[in-house]
Amino acid sequence: MDGFKVMKMVDAAKVGDFFVTVTGCKDVITEKAFMNMKDGAILCNAGHFDCEVDVAGLKKLSVESKLARKTILTVISFQTVIGCMLSARADL
């Protein structure tokens, strides 16, 4: 990670614009991180598993969500708009 500052996800959410998960680990991006994300942040799960992003928590915070394309869910929360590309979601 030469040249990149490593930090906890809740802290990175405050400064990042794009978030891409490829870990395969459970709950990498959760409600606490969503609450810290900037308006218009883009969130993408590029891994093979759908457990990295807490989609249920994201939907809980949202006032509206819609399927923009087959694998892209747009979620509008009370404070931010997040485009989620959830390519590993079986239900999308």
PDB file of N, CA and C in Angstrom:
ATOM      1  N   MET A   1       0.827  -1.192   0.000  1.00  0.00           N
ATOM      2  CA  MET A   1       0.000   0.000   0.000  1.00  0.00           C
ATOM      3  C   MET A   1       0.868   1.250   0.000  1.00  0.00           C
ATOM      4  N   ASP A   2       1.961   1.206  -0.710  1.00  0.00           N
ATOM      5  CA  ASP A   2       2.897   2.311  -0.758  1.00  0.00           C
ATOM      6  C   ASP A   2       2.204   3.587  -1.239  1.00  0.00           C
ATOM      7  N   GLY A   3       2.259   4.605  -0.414  1.00  0.00           N
ATOM      8  CA  GLY A   3       1.678   5.887  -0.780  1.00  0.00           C
ATOM      9  C   GLY A   3       0.243   6.075  -0.334  1.00  0.00           C
ATOM     10  N   PHE A   4      -0.371   5.036   0.192  1.00  0.00           N
ATOM     11  CA  PHE A   4      -1.760   5.124   0.639  1.00  0.00           C
ATOM     12  C   PHE A   4      -1.816   5.039   2.160  1.00  0.00           C
ATOM     13  N   LYS A   5      -2.670   5.828   2.750  1.00  0.00           N
ATOM     14  CA  LYS A   5      -2.863   5.788   4.189  1.00  0.00           C
ATOM     15  C   LYS A   5      -3.878   4.689   4.512  1.00  0.00           C
ATOM     16  N   VAL A   6      -3.506   3.794   5.390  1.00  0.00           N
ATOM     17  CA  VAL A   6      -4.396   2.710   5.801  1.00  0.00           C
ATOM     18  C   VAL A   6      -5.144   3.155   7.051  1.00  0.00           C
ATOM     19  N   MET A   7      -6.471   2.983   7.039  1.00  0.00           N
ATOM     20  CA  MET A   7      -7.293   3.397   8.177  1.00  0.00           C
ATOM     21  C   MET A   7      -8.526   2.516   8.276  1.00  0.00           C
ATOM     22  N   LYS A   8      -9.243   2.649   9.356  1.00  0.00           N
ATOM     23  CA  LYS A   8     -10.487   1.896   9.545  1.00  0.00           C
ATOM     24  C   LYS A   8     -11.533   2.411   8.559  1.00  0.00           C
ATOM     25  N   MET A   9     -12.461   1.536   8.190  1.00  0.00           N
ATOM     26  CA  MET A   9     -13.476   1.880   7.194  1.00  0.00           C
ATOM     27  C   MET A   9     -14.310   3.083   7.620  1.00  0.00           C
ATOM     28  N   VAL A  10     -14.672   3.179   8.892  1.00  0.00           N
ATOM     29  CA  VAL A  10     -15.498   4.311   9.337  1.00  0.00           C
ATOM     30  C   VAL A  10     -14.755   5.632   9.166  1.00  0.00           C
ATOM     31  N   ASP A  11     -13.432   5.599   9.270  1.00  0.00           N
ATOM     32  CA  ASP A  11     -12.639   6.812   9.063  1.00  0.00           C
ATOM     33  C   ASP A  11     -12.441   7.095   7.571  1.00  0.00           C
ATOM     34  N   ALA A  12     -12.203   6.040   6.801  1.00  0.00           N
ATOM     35  CA  ALA A  12     -12.029   6.196   5.347  1.00  0.00           C
ATOM     36  C   ALA A  12     -13.308   6.722   4.700  1.00  0.00           C
ATOM     37  N   ALA A  13     -14.455   6.356   5.242  1.00  0.00           N
ATOM     38  CA  ALA A  13     -15.736   6.794   4.686  1.00  0.00           C
ATOM     39  C   ALA A  13     -15.874   8.315   4.714  1.00  0.00           C
ATOM     40  N   LYS A  14     -15.225   8.961   5.643  1.00  0.00           N
ATOM     41  CA  LYS A  14     -15.296  10.422   5.766  1.00  0.00           C
ATOM     42  C   LYS A  14     -14.552  11.138   4.645  1.00  0.00           C
ATOM     43  N   VAL A  15     -13.520  10.497   4.093  1.00  0.00           N
ATOM     44  CA  VAL A  15     -12.675  11.172   3.112  1.00  0.00           C
ATOM     45  C   VAL A  15     -12.767  10.597   1.703  1.00  0.00           C
ATOM     46  N   GLY A  16     -13.274   9.393   1.565  1.00  0.00           N
ATOM     47  CA  GLY A  16     -13.311   8.751   0.259  1.00  0.00           C
ATOM     48  C   GLY A  16     -14.491   9.165  -0.600  1.00  0.00           C
ATOM     49  N   ASP A  17     -14.341   8.963  -1.900  1.00  0.00           N
ATOM     50  CA  ASP A  17     -15.419   9.208  -2.855  1.00  0.00           C
ATOM     51  C   ASP A  17     -15.898   7.907  -3.485  1.00  0.00           C
ATOM     52  N   PHE A  18     -14.977   6.954  -3.648  1.00  0.00           N
ATOM     53  CA  PHE A  18     -15.270   5.647  -4.241  1.00  0.00           C
ATOM     54  C   PHE A  18     -14.840   4.557  -3.274  1.00  0.00           C
ATOM     55  N   PHE A  19     -15.692   3.567  -3.094  1.00  0.00           N
ATOM     56  CA  PHE A  19     -15.393   2.457  -2.203  1.00  0.00           C
ATOM     57  C   PHE A  19     -15.638   1.156  -2.957  1.00  0.00           C
ATOM     58  N   VAL A  20     -14.595   0.349  -3.088  1.00  0.00           N
ATOM     59  CA  VAL A  20     -14.688  -0.915  -3.816  1.00  0.00           C
ATOM     60  C   VAL A  20     -14.248  -2.032  -2.880  1.00  0.00           C
ATOM     61  N   THR A  21     -15.117  -3.011  -2.677  1.00  0.00           N
ATOM     62  CA  THR A  21     -14.761  -4.152  -1.828  1.00  0.00           C
ATOM     63  C   THR A  21     -14.437  -5.351  -2.703  1.00  0.00           C
ATOM     64  N   VAL A  22     -13.373  -6.028  -2.370  1.00  0.00           N
ATOM     65  CA  VAL A  22     -12.961  -7.241  -3.087  1.00  0.00           C
ATOM     66  C   VAL A  22     -12.390  -8.270  -2.107  1.00  0.00           C
ATOM     67  N   THR A  23     -12.723  -8.134  -0.839  1.00  0.00           N
ATOM     68  CA  THR A  23     -12.085  -8.943   0.198  1.00  0.00           C
ATOM     69  C   THR A  23     -12.680 -10.336   0.367  1.00  0.00           C
ATOM     70  N   GLY A  24     -13.988 -10.463   0.204  1.00  0.00           N
ATOM     71  CA  GLY A  24     -14.667 -11.713   0.519  1.00  0.00           C
ATOM     72  C   GLY A  24     -14.976 -11.828   2.003  1.00  0.00           C
ATOM     73  N   CYS A  25     -14.610 -10.805   2.777  1.00  0.00           N
ATOM     74  CA  CYS A  25     -14.865 -10.799   4.218  1.00  0.00           C
ATOM     75  C   CYS A  25     -16.258 -10.242   4.503  1.00  0.00           C
ATOM     76  N   LYS A  26     -16.833 -10.662   5.603  1.00  0.00           N
ATOM     77  CA  LYS A  26     -18.181 -10.236   5.969  1.00  0.00           C
ATOM     78  C   LYS A  26     -18.163  -8.841   6.605  1.00  0.00           C
ATOM     79  N   ASP A  27     -19.173  -8.044   6.256  1.00  0.00           N
ATOM     80  CA  ASP A  27     -19.411  -6.728   6.861  1.00  0.00           C
ATOM     81  C   ASP A  27     -18.208  -5.785   6.806  1.00  0.00           C
ATOM     82  N   VAL A  28     -17.647  -5.633   5.640  1.00  0.00           N
ATOM     83  CA  VAL A  28     -16.535  -4.699   5.448  1.00  0.00           C
ATOM     84  C   VAL A  28     -17.060  -3.263   5.511  1.00  0.00           C
ATOM     85  N   ILE A  29     -18.205  -3.021   4.863  1.00  0.00           N
ATOM     86  CA  ILE A  29     -18.821  -1.689   4.885  1.00  0.00           C
ATOM     87  C   ILE A  29     -20.197  -1.822   5.522  1.00  0.00           C
ATOM     88  N   THR A  30     -20.369  -1.173   6.666  1.00  0.00           N
ATOM     89  CA  THR A  30     -21.596  -1.304   7.452  1.00  0.00           C
ATOM     90  C   THR A  30     -22.273   0.056   7.642  1.00  0.00           C
ATOM     91  N   GLU A  31     -23.351   0.055   8.422  1.00  0.00           N
ATOM     92  CA  GLU A  31     -24.122   1.275   8.668  1.00  0.00           C
ATOM     93  C   GLU A  31     -23.265   2.413   9.201  1.00  0.00           C
ATOM     94  N   LYS A  32     -22.330   2.114  10.095  1.00  0.00           N
ATOM     95  CA  LYS A  32     -21.478   3.168  10.651  1.00  0.00           C
ATOM     96  C   LYS A  32     -20.700   3.880   9.549  1.00  0.00           C
ATOM     97  N   ALA A  33     -20.204   3.122   8.589  1.00  0.00           N
ATOM     98  CA  ALA A  33     -19.477   3.721   7.467  1.00  0.00           C
ATOM     99  C   ALA A  33     -20.430   4.507   6.569  1.00  0.00           C
ATOM    100  N   PHE A  34     -21.625   3.962   6.299  1.00  0.00           N
ATOM    101  CA  PHE A  34     -22.598   4.668   5.452  1.00  0.00           C
ATOM    102  C   PHE A  34     -22.916   6.037   6.026  1.00  0.00           C
ATOM    103  N   MET A  35     -23.019   6.111   7.345  1.00  0.00           N
ATOM    104  CA  MET A  35     -23.360   7.368   8.007  1.00  0.00           C
ATOM    105  C   MET A  35     -22.260   8.412   7.828  1.00  0.00           C
ATOM    106  N   ASN A  36     -21.041   7.984   7.570  1.00  0.00           N
ATOM    107  CA  ASN A  36     -19.913   8.903   7.414  1.00  0.00           C
ATOM    108  C   ASN A  36     -19.613   9.264   5.964  1.00  0.00           C
ATOM    109  N   MET A  37     -20.241   8.597   5.014  1.00  0.00           N
ATOM    110  CA  MET A  37     -19.922   8.824   3.602  1.00  0.00           C
ATOM    111  C   MET A  37     -20.407  10.181   3.109  1.00  0.00           C
ATOM    112  N   LYS A  38     -19.644  10.724   2.172  1.00  0.00           N
ATOM    113  CA  LYS A  38     -19.998  12.000   1.549  1.00  0.00           C
ATOM    114  C   LYS A  38     -21.234  11.838   0.660  1.00  0.00           C
ATOM    115  N   ASP A  39     -21.877  12.951   0.400  1.00  0.00           N
ATOM    116  CA  ASP A  39     -22.983  12.979  -0.540  1.00  0.00           C
ATOM    117  C   ASP A  39     -22.465  12.565  -1.918  1.00  0.00           C
ATOM    118  N   GLY A  40     -23.121  11.624  -2.547  1.00  0.00           N
ATOM    119  CA  GLY A  40     -22.746  11.187  -3.879  1.00  0.00           C
ATOM    120  C   GLY A  40     -21.672  10.120  -3.911  1.00  0.00           C
ATOM    121  N   ALA A  41     -21.328   9.547  -2.774  1.00  0.00           N
ATOM    122  CA  ALA A  41     -20.300   8.498  -2.737  1.00  0.00           C
ATOM    123  C   ALA A  41     -20.732   7.307  -3.585  1.00  0.00           C
ATOM    124  N   ILE A  42     -19.768   6.633  -4.191  1.00  0.00           N
ATOM    125  CA  ILE A  42     -20.034   5.461  -5.026  1.00  0.00           C
ATOM    126  C   ILE A  42     -19.484   4.237  -4.308  1.00  0.00           C
ATOM    127  N   LEU A  43     -20.314   3.222  -4.220  1.00  0.00           N
ATOM    128  CA  LEU A  43     -19.969   1.997  -3.508  1.00  0.00           C
ATOM    129  C   LEU A  43     -20.095   0.822  -4.456  1.00  0.00           C
ATOM    130  N   CYS A  44     -19.081  -0.028  -4.504  1.00  0.00           N
ATOM    131  CA  CYS A  44     -19.076  -1.147  -5.434  1.00  0.00           C
ATOM    132  C   CYS A  44     -18.562  -2.404  -4.750  1.00  0.00           C
ATOM    133  N   ASN A  45     -19.271  -3.496  -4.922  1.00  0.00           N
ATOM    134  CA  ASN A  45     -18.790  -4.797  -4.476  1.00  0.00           C
ATOM    135  C   ASN A  45     -18.328  -5.538  -5.721  1.00  0.00           C
ATOM    136  N   ALA A  46     -17.019  -5.644  -5.894  1.00  0.00           N
ATOM    137  CA  ALA A  46     -16.472  -6.289  -7.079  1.00  0.00           C
ATOM    138  C   ALA A  46     -16.053  -7.731  -6.815  1.00  0.00           C
ATOM    139  N   GLY A  47     -16.245  -8.190  -5.598  1.00  0.00           N
ATOM    140  CA  GLY A  47     -15.855  -9.551  -5.247  1.00  0.00           C
ATOM    141  C   GLY A  47     -16.880 -10.581  -5.683  1.00  0.00           C
ATOM    142  N   HIS A  48     -16.616 -11.815  -5.338  1.00  0.00           N
ATOM    143  CA  HIS A  48     -17.497 -12.918  -5.707  1.00  0.00           C
ATOM    144  C   HIS A  48     -18.596 -13.168  -4.681  1.00  0.00           C
ATOM    145  N   PHE A  49     -18.527 -12.502  -3.546  1.00  0.00           N
ATOM    146  CA  PHE A  49     -19.482 -12.737  -2.472  1.00  0.00           C
ATOM    147  C   PHE A  49     -20.288 -11.477  -2.202  1.00  0.00           C
ATOM    148  N   ASP A  50     -21.491 -11.647  -1.681  1.00  0.00           N
ATOM    149  CA  ASP A  50     -22.354 -10.493  -1.433  1.00  0.00           C
ATOM    150  C   ASP A  50     -22.428 -10.133   0.048  1.00  0.00           C
ATOM    151  N   CYS A  51     -21.479 -10.583   0.838  1.00  0.00           N
ATOM    152  CA  CYS A  51     -21.524 -10.350   2.282  1.00  0.00           C
ATOM    153  C   CYS A  51     -20.678  -9.158   2.721  1.00  0.00           C
ATOM    154  N   GLU A  52     -19.933  -8.569   1.816  1.00  0.00           N
ATOM    155  CA  GLU A  52     -19.003  -7.499   2.179  1.00  0.00           C
ATOM    156  C   GLU A  52     -19.713  -6.185   2.511  1.00  0.00           C
ATOM    157  N   VAL A  53     -20.772  -5.883   1.794  1.00  0.00           N
ATOM    158  CA  VAL A  53     -21.538  -4.654   1.985  1.00  0.00           C
ATOM    159  C   VAL A  53     -22.831  -4.999   2.712  1.00  0.00           C
ATOM    160  N   ASP A  54     -23.120  -4.277   3.777  1.00  0.00           N
ATOM    161  CA  ASP A  54     -24.345  -4.488   4.554  1.00  0.00           C
ATOM    162  C   ASP A  54     -25.525  -3.845   3.808  1.00  0.00           C
ATOM    163  N   VAL A  55     -26.043  -4.574   2.825  1.00  0.00           N
ATOM    164  CA  VAL A  55     -27.124  -4.044   1.984  1.00  0.00           C
ATOM    165  C   VAL A  55     -28.391  -3.821   2.814  1.00  0.00           C
ATOM    166  N   ALA A  56     -28.681  -4.717   3.741  1.00  0.00           N
ATOM    167  CA  ALA A  56     -29.866  -4.552   4.594  1.00  0.00           C
ATOM    168  C   ALA A  56     -29.741  -3.270   5.423  1.00  0.00           C
ATOM    169  N   GLY A  57     -28.562  -3.004   5.953  1.00  0.00           N
ATOM    170  CA  GLY A  57     -28.339  -1.777   6.720  1.00  0.00           C
ATOM    171  C   GLY A  57     -28.446  -0.546   5.853  1.00  0.00           C
ATOM    172  N   LEU A  58     -27.953  -0.640   4.628  1.00  0.00           N
ATOM    173  CA  LEU A  58     -28.044   0.475   3.690  1.00  0.00           C
ATOM    174  C   LEU A  58     -29.497   0.772   3.343  1.00  0.00           C
ATOM    175  N   LYS A  59     -30.263  -0.274   3.087  1.00  0.00           N
ATOM    176  CA  LYS A  59     -31.685  -0.084   2.769  1.00  0.00           C
ATOM    177  C   LYS A  59     -32.446   0.465   3.969  1.00  0.00           C
ATOM    178  N   LYS A  60     -32.032   0.081   5.179  1.00  0.00           N
ATOM    179  CA  LYS A  60     -32.685   0.571   6.391  1.00  0.00           C
ATOM    180  C   LYS A  60     -32.511   2.086   6.523  1.00  0.00           C
ATOM    181  N   LEU A  61     -31.366   2.591   6.112  1.00  0.00           N
ATOM    182  CA  LEU A  61     -31.098   4.025   6.179  1.00  0.00           C
ATOM    183  C   LEU A  61     -31.732   4.808   5.039  1.00  0.00           C
ATOM    184  N   SER A  62     -32.175   4.105   4.024  1.00  0.00           N
ATOM    185  CA  SER A  62     -32.648   4.785   2.813  1.00  0.00           C
ATOM    186  C   SER A  62     -34.095   5.240   2.909  1.00  0.00           C
ATOM    187  N   VAL A  63     -34.394   6.264   2.146  1.00  0.00           N
ATOM    188  CA  VAL A  63     -35.771   6.702   1.981  1.00  0.00           C
ATOM    189  C   VAL A  63     -36.319   6.202   0.653  1.00  0.00           C
ATOM    190  N   GLU A  64     -35.404   5.790  -0.222  1.00  0.00           N
ATOM    191  CA  GLU A  64     -35.792   5.280  -1.536  1.00  0.00           C
ATOM    192  C   GLU A  64     -34.651   4.448  -2.105  1.00  0.00           C
ATOM    193  N   SER A  65     -35.005   3.399  -2.823  1.00  0.00           N
ATOM    194  CA  SER A  65     -33.989   2.645  -3.570  1.00  0.00           C
ATOM    195  C   SER A  65     -34.633   2.149  -4.854  1.00  0.00           C
ATOM    196  N   LYS A  66     -33.821   2.063  -5.892  1.00  0.00           N
ATOM    197  CA  LYS A  66     -34.342   1.582  -7.163  1.00  0.00           C
ATOM    198  C   LYS A  66     -33.245   0.842  -7.906  1.00  0.00           C
ATOM    199  N   LEU A  67     -33.654  -0.084  -8.719  1.00  0.00           N
ATOM    200  CA  LEU A  67     -32.723  -0.844  -9.529  1.00  0.00           C
ATOM    201  C   LEU A  67     -32.463  -0.051 -10.803  1.00  0.00           C
ATOM    202  N   ALA A  68     -31.269   0.538 -10.905  1.00  0.00           N
ATOM    203  CA  ALA A  68     -30.929   1.364 -12.065  1.00  0.00           C
ATOM    204  C   ALA A  68     -30.627   0.494 -13.282  1.00  0.00           C
ATOM    205  N   ARG A  69     -29.940  -0.597 -13.052  1.00  0.00           N
ATOM    206  CA  ARG A  69     -29.642  -1.609 -14.063  1.00  0.00           C
ATOM    207  C   ARG A  69     -29.675  -2.952 -13.372  1.00  0.00           C
ATOM    208  N   LYS A  70     -29.450  -3.996 -14.108  1.00  0.00           N
ATOM    209  CA  LYS A  70     -29.548  -5.339 -13.538  1.00  0.00           C
ATOM    210  C   LYS A  70     -28.709  -5.515 -12.277  1.00  0.00           C
ATOM    211  N   THR A  71     -27.513  -4.946 -12.238  1.00  0.00           N
ATOM    212  CA  THR A  71     -26.632  -5.121 -11.080  1.00  0.00           C
ATOM    213  C   THR A  71     -26.311  -3.826 -10.349  1.00  0.00           C
ATOM    214  N   ILE A  72     -27.060  -2.764 -10.615  1.00  0.00           N
ATOM    215  CA  ILE A  72     -26.789  -1.485  -9.961  1.00  0.00           C
ATOM    216  C   ILE A  72     -28.023  -1.025  -9.199  1.00  0.00           C
ATOM    217  N   LEU A  73     -27.859  -0.912  -7.898  1.00  0.00           N
ATOM    218  CA  LEU A  73     -28.922  -0.452  -7.024  1.00  0.00           C
ATOM    219  C   LEU A  73     -28.586   0.959  -6.584  1.00  0.00           C
ATOM    220  N   THR A  74     -29.469   1.911  -6.833  1.00  0.00           N
ATOM    221  CA  THR A  74     -29.281   3.277  -6.373  1.00  0.00           C
ATOM    222  C   THR A  74     -30.086   3.452  -5.102  1.00  0.00           C
ATOM    223  N   VAL A  75     -29.423   3.914  -4.068  1.00  0.00           N
ATOM    224  CA  VAL A  75     -30.065   4.075  -2.767  1.00  0.00           C
ATOM    225  C   VAL A  75     -29.970   5.534  -2.360  1.00  0.00           C
ATOM    226  N   ILE A  76     -31.107   6.102  -1.981  1.00  0.00           N
ATOM    227  CA  ILE A  76     -31.126   7.487  -1.521  1.00  0.00           C
ATOM    228  C   ILE A  76     -31.443   7.461  -0.034  1.00  0.00           C
ATOM    229  N   SER A  77     -30.484   7.907   0.779  1.00  0.00           N
ATOM    230  CA  SER A  77     -30.698   7.944   2.217  1.00  0.00           C
ATOM    231  C   SER A  77     -31.019   9.368   2.635  1.00  0.00           C
ATOM    232  N   PHE A  78     -31.178   9.560   3.911  1.00  0.00           N
ATOM    233  CA  PHE A  78     -31.520  10.885   4.406  1.00  0.00           C
ATOM    234  C   PHE A  78     -30.382  11.881   4.233  1.00  0.00           C
ATOM    235  N   GLN A  79     -29.147  11.405   4.044  1.00  0.00           N
ATOM    236  CA  GLN A  79     -28.035  12.353   3.934  1.00  0.00           C
ATOM    237  C   GLN A  79     -27.194  12.181   2.682  1.00  0.00           C
ATOM    238  N   THR A  80     -27.317  11.072   1.980  1.00  0.00           N
ATOM    239  CA  THR A  80     -26.389  10.832   0.885  1.00  0.00           C
ATOM    240  C   THR A  80     -27.006   9.974  -0.204  1.00  0.00           C
ATOM    241  N   VAL A  81     -26.476  10.070  -1.382  1.00  0.00           N
ATOM    242  CA  VAL A  81     -26.877   9.210  -2.495  1.00  0.00           C
ATOM    243  C   VAL A  81     -25.701   8.295  -2.787  1.00  0.00           C
ATOM    244  N   ILE A  82     -25.945   7.021  -2.744  1.00  0.00           N
ATOM    245  CA  ILE A  82     -24.882   6.054  -2.956  1.00  0.00           C
ATOM    246  C   ILE A  82     -25.276   5.129  -4.095  1.00  0.00           C
ATOM    247  N   GLY A  83     -24.444   5.029  -5.099  1.00  0.00           N
ATOM    248  CA  GLY A  83     -24.674   4.075  -6.180  1.00  0.00           C
ATOM    249  C   GLY A  83     -23.974   2.778  -5.830  1.00  0.00           C
ATOM    250  N   CYS A  84     -24.698   1.716  -5.721  1.00  0.00           N
ATOM    251  CA  CYS A  84     -24.111   0.438  -5.317  1.00  0.00           C
ATOM    252  C   CYS A  84     -24.117  -0.524  -6.489  1.00  0.00           C
ATOM    253  N   MET A  85     -22.960  -0.919  -6.933  1.00  0.00           N
ATOM    254  CA  MET A  85     -22.873  -1.945  -7.961  1.00  0.00           C
ATOM    255  C   MET A  85     -22.656  -3.272  -7.251  1.00  0.00           C
ATOM    256  N   LEU A  86     -23.704  -4.033  -7.133  1.00  0.00           N
ATOM    257  CA  LEU A  86     -23.641  -5.259  -6.351  1.00  0.00           C
ATOM    258  C   LEU A  86     -23.667  -6.450  -7.297  1.00  0.00           C
ATOM    259  N   SER A  87     -22.580  -6.674  -7.972  1.00  0.00           N
ATOM    260  CA  SER A  87     -22.523  -7.684  -9.021  1.00  0.00           C
ATOM    261  C   SER A  87     -22.648  -9.106  -8.501  1.00  0.00           C
ATOM    262  N   ALA A  88     -22.388  -9.326  -7.218  1.00  0.00           N
ATOM    263  CA  ALA A  88     -22.460 -10.677  -6.672  1.00  0.00           C
ATOM    264  C   ALA A  88     -23.803 -10.974  -6.026  1.00  0.00           C
ATOM    265  N   ARG A  89     -24.726 -10.036  -6.069  1.00  0.00           N
ATOM    266  CA  ARG A  89     -26.030 -10.250  -5.430  1.00  0.00           C
ATOM    267  C   ARG A  89     -26.867 -11.197  -6.268  1.00  0.00           C
ATOM    268  N   ALA A  90     -27.233 -12.292  -5.697  1.00  0.00           N
ATOM    269  CA  ALA A  90     -28.034 -13.289  -6.402  1.00  0.00           C
ATOM    270  C   ALA A  90     -29.450 -12.800  -6.662  1.00  0.00           C
ATOM    271  N   ASP A  91     -29.956 -11.921  -5.808  1.00  0.00           N
ATOM    272  CA  ASP A  91     -31.337 -11.480  -5.934  1.00  0.00           C
ATOM    273  C   ASP A  91     -31.499 -10.272  -6.854  1.00  0.00           C
ATOM    274  N   LEU A  92     -30.425  -9.753  -7.438  1.00  0.00           N
ATOM    275  CA  LEU A  92     -30.545  -8.615  -8.352  1.00  0.00           C
ATOM    276  C   LEU A  92     -30.540  -9.069  -9.785  1.00  0.00           C
TER     277      LEU A  92
END
